[in-house]
Amino acid sequence: MPELILILLRSIAAFLLLFLMARMMGKKQISQLTFFDYCVGITIGSIAATMSVDQNVKALNGLMSLFVWGLFPILLLYRNEIQCIL
């Protein structure tokens, strides 16, 4: 497959997963972000960019790492909310 088409497909996949994760994490203003949320956002963006253009990284590995980095903050958020209720 030509390199440009591969980059296009990988970028689209990364964008769609990032869009889905952003919706699941909820909207926050920059002033409302914790340091942890800020670091997670930068890391997720870096993983998506690397996955899009670095062909040494397998697409499935990149998608899995995006999924994990998106899932853990969501799980921690729900864990904290449950602890606040108890």
C-alpha atoms as a PDB file:
ATOM      1  CA  MET A   1       0.000   0.000   0.000  1.00  0.00           C
ATOM      2  CA  PRO A   2       1.406   3.426  -0.863  1.00  0.00           C
ATOM      3  CA  GLU A   3       2.849   5.288   2.105  1.00  0.00           C
ATOM      4  CA  LEU A   4       0.532   8.317   1.841  1.00  0.00           C
ATOM      5  CA  ILE A   5      -2.615   6.183   1.813  1.00  0.00           C
ATOM      6  CA  LEU A   6      -1.367   4.233   4.831  1.00  0.00           C
ATOM      7  CA  ILE A   7      -0.693   7.462   6.733  1.00  0.00           C
ATOM      8  CA  LEU A   8      -4.145   8.745   5.758  1.00  0.00           C
ATOM      9  CA  LEU A   9      -5.891   5.610   7.015  1.00  0.00           C
ATOM     10  CA  ARG A  10      -3.897   5.512  10.246  1.00  0.00           C
ATOM     11  CA  SER A  11      -4.560   9.209  10.869  1.00  0.00           C
ATOM     12  CA  ILE A  12      -8.291   8.759  10.325  1.00  0.00           C
ATOM     13  CA  ALA A  13      -8.349   5.807  12.738  1.00  0.00           C
ATOM     14  CA  ALA A  14      -6.410   7.787  15.360  1.00  0.00           C
ATOM     15  CA  PHE A  15      -8.685  10.810  14.932  1.00  0.00           C
ATOM     16  CA  LEU A  16     -11.856   8.767  15.319  1.00  0.00           C
ATOM     17  CA  LEU A  17     -10.562   7.048  18.440  1.00  0.00           C
ATOM     18  CA  LEU A  18      -9.435  10.383  19.907  1.00  0.00           C
ATOM     19  CA  PHE A  19     -12.852  11.870  19.159  1.00  0.00           C
ATOM     20  CA  LEU A  20     -14.594   8.972  20.880  1.00  0.00           C
ATOM     21  CA  MET A  21     -12.309   9.163  23.913  1.00  0.00           C
ATOM     22  CA  ALA A  22     -12.776  12.923  24.215  1.00  0.00           C
ATOM     23  CA  ARG A  23     -16.536  12.445  24.269  1.00  0.00           C
ATOM     24  CA  MET A  24     -16.273   9.741  26.922  1.00  0.00           C
ATOM     25  CA  MET A  25     -13.960  11.830  29.122  1.00  0.00           C
ATOM     26  CA  GLY A  26     -16.269  14.822  28.992  1.00  0.00           C
ATOM     27  CA  LYS A  27     -15.694  18.440  28.134  1.00  0.00           C
ATOM     28  CA  LYS A  28     -13.535  20.538  30.432  1.00  0.00           C
ATOM     29  CA  GLN A  29     -12.120  23.999  30.171  1.00  0.00           C
ATOM     30  CA  ILE A  30      -8.343  24.305  30.343  1.00  0.00           C
ATOM     31  CA  SER A  31      -8.662  25.958  33.755  1.00  0.00           C
ATOM     32  CA  GLN A  32     -10.601  22.926  35.051  1.00  0.00           C
ATOM     33  CA  LEU A  33      -7.984  20.367  34.021  1.00  0.00           C
ATOM     34  CA  THR A  34      -5.937  18.730  36.701  1.00  0.00           C
ATOM     35  CA  PHE A  35      -2.248  18.193  36.104  1.00  0.00           C
ATOM     36  CA  PHE A  36      -3.004  14.500  35.568  1.00  0.00           C
ATOM     37  CA  ASP A  37      -5.650  15.260  32.902  1.00  0.00           C
ATOM     38  CA  TYR A  38      -3.232  17.634  31.185  1.00  0.00           C
ATOM     39  CA  CYS A  39      -0.459  15.016  31.089  1.00  0.00           C
ATOM     40  CA  VAL A  40      -2.854  12.345  29.845  1.00  0.00           C
ATOM     41  CA  GLY A  41      -4.026  14.654  27.051  1.00  0.00           C
ATOM     42  CA  ILE A  42      -0.495  15.375  25.923  1.00  0.00           C
ATOM     43  CA  THR A  43       0.406  11.681  26.041  1.00  0.00           C
ATOM     44  CA  ILE A  44      -2.657  10.642  24.044  1.00  0.00           C
ATOM     45  CA  GLY A  45      -1.909  13.292  21.425  1.00  0.00           C
ATOM     46  CA  SER A  46       1.690  12.152  21.191  1.00  0.00           C
ATOM     47  CA  ILE A  47       0.669   8.508  20.776  1.00  0.00           C
ATOM     48  CA  ALA A  48      -1.823   9.434  18.051  1.00  0.00           C
ATOM     49  CA  ALA A  49       0.755  11.515  16.179  1.00  0.00           C
ATOM     50  CA  THR A  50       3.385   8.790  16.402  1.00  0.00           C
ATOM     51  CA  MET A  51       0.905   6.159  15.286  1.00  0.00           C
ATOM     52  CA  SER A  52      -0.126   8.284  12.321  1.00  0.00           C
ATOM     53  CA  VAL A  53       3.278   8.898  10.800  1.00  0.00           C
ATOM     54  CA  ASP A  54       5.695   6.283  12.173  1.00  0.00           C
ATOM     55  CA  GLN A  55       5.306   3.174  10.072  1.00  0.00           C
ATOM     56  CA  ASN A  56       7.546   1.199  12.428  1.00  0.00           C
ATOM     57  CA  VAL A  57       4.671   1.269  14.914  1.00  0.00           C
ATOM     58  CA  LYS A  58       2.001  -1.287  14.077  1.00  0.00           C
ATOM     59  CA  ALA A  59      -1.441   0.300  13.723  1.00  0.00           C
ATOM     60  CA  LEU A  60      -3.043  -2.195  16.097  1.00  0.00           C
ATOM     61  CA  ASN A  61      -0.401  -1.500  18.751  1.00  0.00           C
ATOM     62  CA  GLY A  62      -1.012   2.236  18.426  1.00  0.00           C
ATOM     63  CA  LEU A  63      -4.782   1.824  18.676  1.00  0.00           C
ATOM     64  CA  MET A  64      -4.400  -0.423  21.716  1.00  0.00           C
ATOM     65  CA  SER A  65      -2.167   2.101  23.477  1.00  0.00           C
ATOM     66  CA  LEU A  66      -4.657   4.890  22.706  1.00  0.00           C
ATOM     67  CA  PHE A  67      -7.456   2.731  24.074  1.00  0.00           C
ATOM     68  CA  VAL A  68      -5.539   1.995  27.289  1.00  0.00           C
ATOM     69  CA  TRP A  69      -4.518   5.634  27.811  1.00  0.00           C
ATOM     70  CA  GLY A  70      -8.116   6.679  27.237  1.00  0.00           C
ATOM     71  CA  LEU A  71      -9.687   3.972  29.382  1.00  0.00           C
ATOM     72  CA  PHE A  72      -7.569   4.360  32.521  1.00  0.00           C
ATOM     73  CA  PRO A  73      -8.421   8.033  33.203  1.00  0.00           C
ATOM     74  CA  ILE A  74     -12.112   7.212  32.708  1.00  0.00           C
ATOM     75  CA  LEU A  75     -11.900   4.299  35.150  1.00  0.00           C
ATOM     76  CA  LEU A  76     -10.057   6.464  37.677  1.00  0.00           C
ATOM     77  CA  LEU A  77     -12.712   9.164  37.354  1.00  0.00           C
ATOM     78  CA  TYR A  78     -15.536   6.712  38.064  1.00  0.00           C
ATOM     79  CA  ARG A  79     -13.565   5.183  40.939  1.00  0.00           C
ATOM     80  CA  ASN A  80     -13.156   8.631  42.510  1.00  0.00           C
ATOM     81  CA  GLU A  81     -16.842   9.405  42.044  1.00  0.00           C
ATOM     82  CA  ILE A  82     -17.845   6.151  43.737  1.00  0.00           C
ATOM     83  CA  GLN A  83     -15.507   6.856  46.662  1.00  0.00           C
ATOM     84  CA  CYS A  84     -17.029  10.321  47.074  1.00  0.00           C
ATOM     85  CA  ILE A  85     -20.490   8.788  47.325  1.00  0.00           C
ATOM     86  CA  LEU A  86     -19.402   6.265  49.941  1.00  0.00           C
END
